[in-house]
Amino acid sequence: MFKIDLNTCPTCGGAVKLIACIEAPAVIAKILTHLSNQAPAAARALFPEPRAPPPARLFD
């Protein structure tokens, strides 16, 4: 569906080994918060600022 090969590294093409599957939302949020605090400013500049989703009804 998403055309993502989880067994192949997108950078080097080597094999990838799955070591964990984290599904708890609180744990995911904690990890992502930690990573965003550790990322250098140059890496954060690569991503656009978050924005609100578009309105549900564009036309009446």
C-alpha atoms as a PDB file:
ATOM      1  CA  MET A   1       0.000   0.000   0.000  1.00  0.00           C
ATOM      2  CA  PHE A   2       2.743   2.493   0.937  1.00  0.00           C
ATOM      3  CA  LYS A   3       5.478   0.905  -1.250  1.00  0.00           C
ATOM      4  CA  ILE A   4       7.950   0.906   1.651  1.00  0.00           C
ATOM      5  CA  ASP A   5      10.344  -2.033   1.916  1.00  0.00           C
ATOM      6  CA  LEU A   6      11.012  -2.460   5.626  1.00  0.00           C
ATOM      7  CA  ASN A   7      13.652  -5.113   4.957  1.00  0.00           C
ATOM      8  CA  THR A   8      15.949  -2.843   2.915  1.00  0.00           C
ATOM      9  CA  CYS A   9      17.778   0.287   4.042  1.00  0.00           C
ATOM     10  CA  PRO A  10      16.701   3.231   1.849  1.00  0.00           C
ATOM     11  CA  THR A  11      20.163   4.802   2.194  1.00  0.00           C
ATOM     12  CA  CYS A  12      22.560   1.938   1.488  1.00  0.00           C
ATOM     13  CA  GLY A  13      20.302  -0.837   0.192  1.00  0.00           C
ATOM     14  CA  GLY A  14      21.509  -3.231   2.893  1.00  0.00           C
ATOM     15  CA  ALA A  15      19.400  -5.565   4.977  1.00  0.00           C
ATOM     16  CA  VAL A  16      17.465  -4.114   7.905  1.00  0.00           C
ATOM     17  CA  LYS A  17      16.775  -6.047  11.100  1.00  0.00           C
ATOM     18  CA  LEU A  18      13.607  -5.181  13.010  1.00  0.00           C
ATOM     19  CA  ILE A  19      14.471  -4.928  16.699  1.00  0.00           C
ATOM     20  CA  ALA A  20      11.274  -3.464  18.157  1.00  0.00           C
ATOM     21  CA  CYS A  21       7.705  -2.514  17.372  1.00  0.00           C
ATOM     22  CA  ILE A  22       6.567   0.299  19.633  1.00  0.00           C
ATOM     23  CA  GLU A  23       2.805   0.819  19.675  1.00  0.00           C
ATOM     24  CA  ALA A  24       2.119   2.670  22.941  1.00  0.00           C
ATOM     25  CA  PRO A  25       1.279   6.300  22.072  1.00  0.00           C
ATOM     26  CA  ALA A  26       2.860   7.655  25.266  1.00  0.00           C
ATOM     27  CA  VAL A  27       6.146   5.883  24.558  1.00  0.00           C
ATOM     28  CA  ILE A  28       6.152   7.035  20.921  1.00  0.00           C
ATOM     29  CA  ALA A  29       5.539  10.637  21.995  1.00  0.00           C
ATOM     30  CA  LYS A  30       8.360  10.461  24.530  1.00  0.00           C
ATOM     31  CA  ILE A  31      10.817   9.085  21.959  1.00  0.00           C
ATOM     32  CA  LEU A  32       9.870  11.653  19.309  1.00  0.00           C
ATOM     33  CA  THR A  33      10.113  14.507  21.827  1.00  0.00           C
ATOM     34  CA  HIS A  34      13.559  13.333  22.865  1.00  0.00           C
ATOM     35  CA  LEU A  35      14.719  13.045  19.260  1.00  0.00           C
ATOM     36  CA  SER A  36      13.398  16.480  18.302  1.00  0.00           C
ATOM     37  CA  ASN A  37      15.230  17.999  21.272  1.00  0.00           C
ATOM     38  CA  GLN A  38      18.466  16.301  20.190  1.00  0.00           C
ATOM     39  CA  ALA A  39      18.291  17.176  16.486  1.00  0.00           C
ATOM     40  CA  PRO A  40      20.601  19.976  15.357  1.00  0.00           C
ATOM     41  CA  ALA A  41      18.952  23.148  14.072  1.00  0.00           C
ATOM     42  CA  ALA A  42      20.074  22.344  10.518  1.00  0.00           C
ATOM     43  CA  ALA A  43      18.172  19.036  10.565  1.00  0.00           C
ATOM     44  CA  ARG A  44      15.029  20.675  11.977  1.00  0.00           C
ATOM     45  CA  ALA A  45      15.168  23.282   9.182  1.00  0.00           C
ATOM     46  CA  LEU A  46      14.631  20.538   6.590  1.00  0.00           C
ATOM     47  CA  PHE A  47      11.041  20.036   7.694  1.00  0.00           C
ATOM     48  CA  PRO A  48       8.244  22.565   7.203  1.00  0.00           C
ATOM     49  CA  GLU A  49       6.475  24.067  10.178  1.00  0.00           C
ATOM     50  CA  PRO A  50       3.432  22.043  11.274  1.00  0.00           C
ATOM     51  CA  ARG A  51       0.057  23.406  10.275  1.00  0.00           C
ATOM     52  CA  ALA A  52      -3.588  22.698  10.927  1.00  0.00           C
ATOM     53  CA  PRO A  53      -5.394  20.233   8.653  1.00  0.00           C
ATOM     54  CA  PRO A  54      -7.527  21.704   5.868  1.00  0.00           C
ATOM     55  CA  PRO A  55     -11.168  22.375   6.658  1.00  0.00           C
ATOM     56  CA  ALA A  56     -13.499  19.430   6.221  1.00  0.00           C
ATOM     57  CA  ARG A  57     -15.786  21.333   3.895  1.00  0.00           C
ATOM     58  CA  LEU A  58     -14.069  23.349   1.202  1.00  0.00           C
ATOM     59  CA  PHE A  59     -17.197  24.073  -0.815  1.00  0.00           C
ATOM     60  CA  ASP A  60     -20.803  24.590   0.256  1.00  0.00           C
END
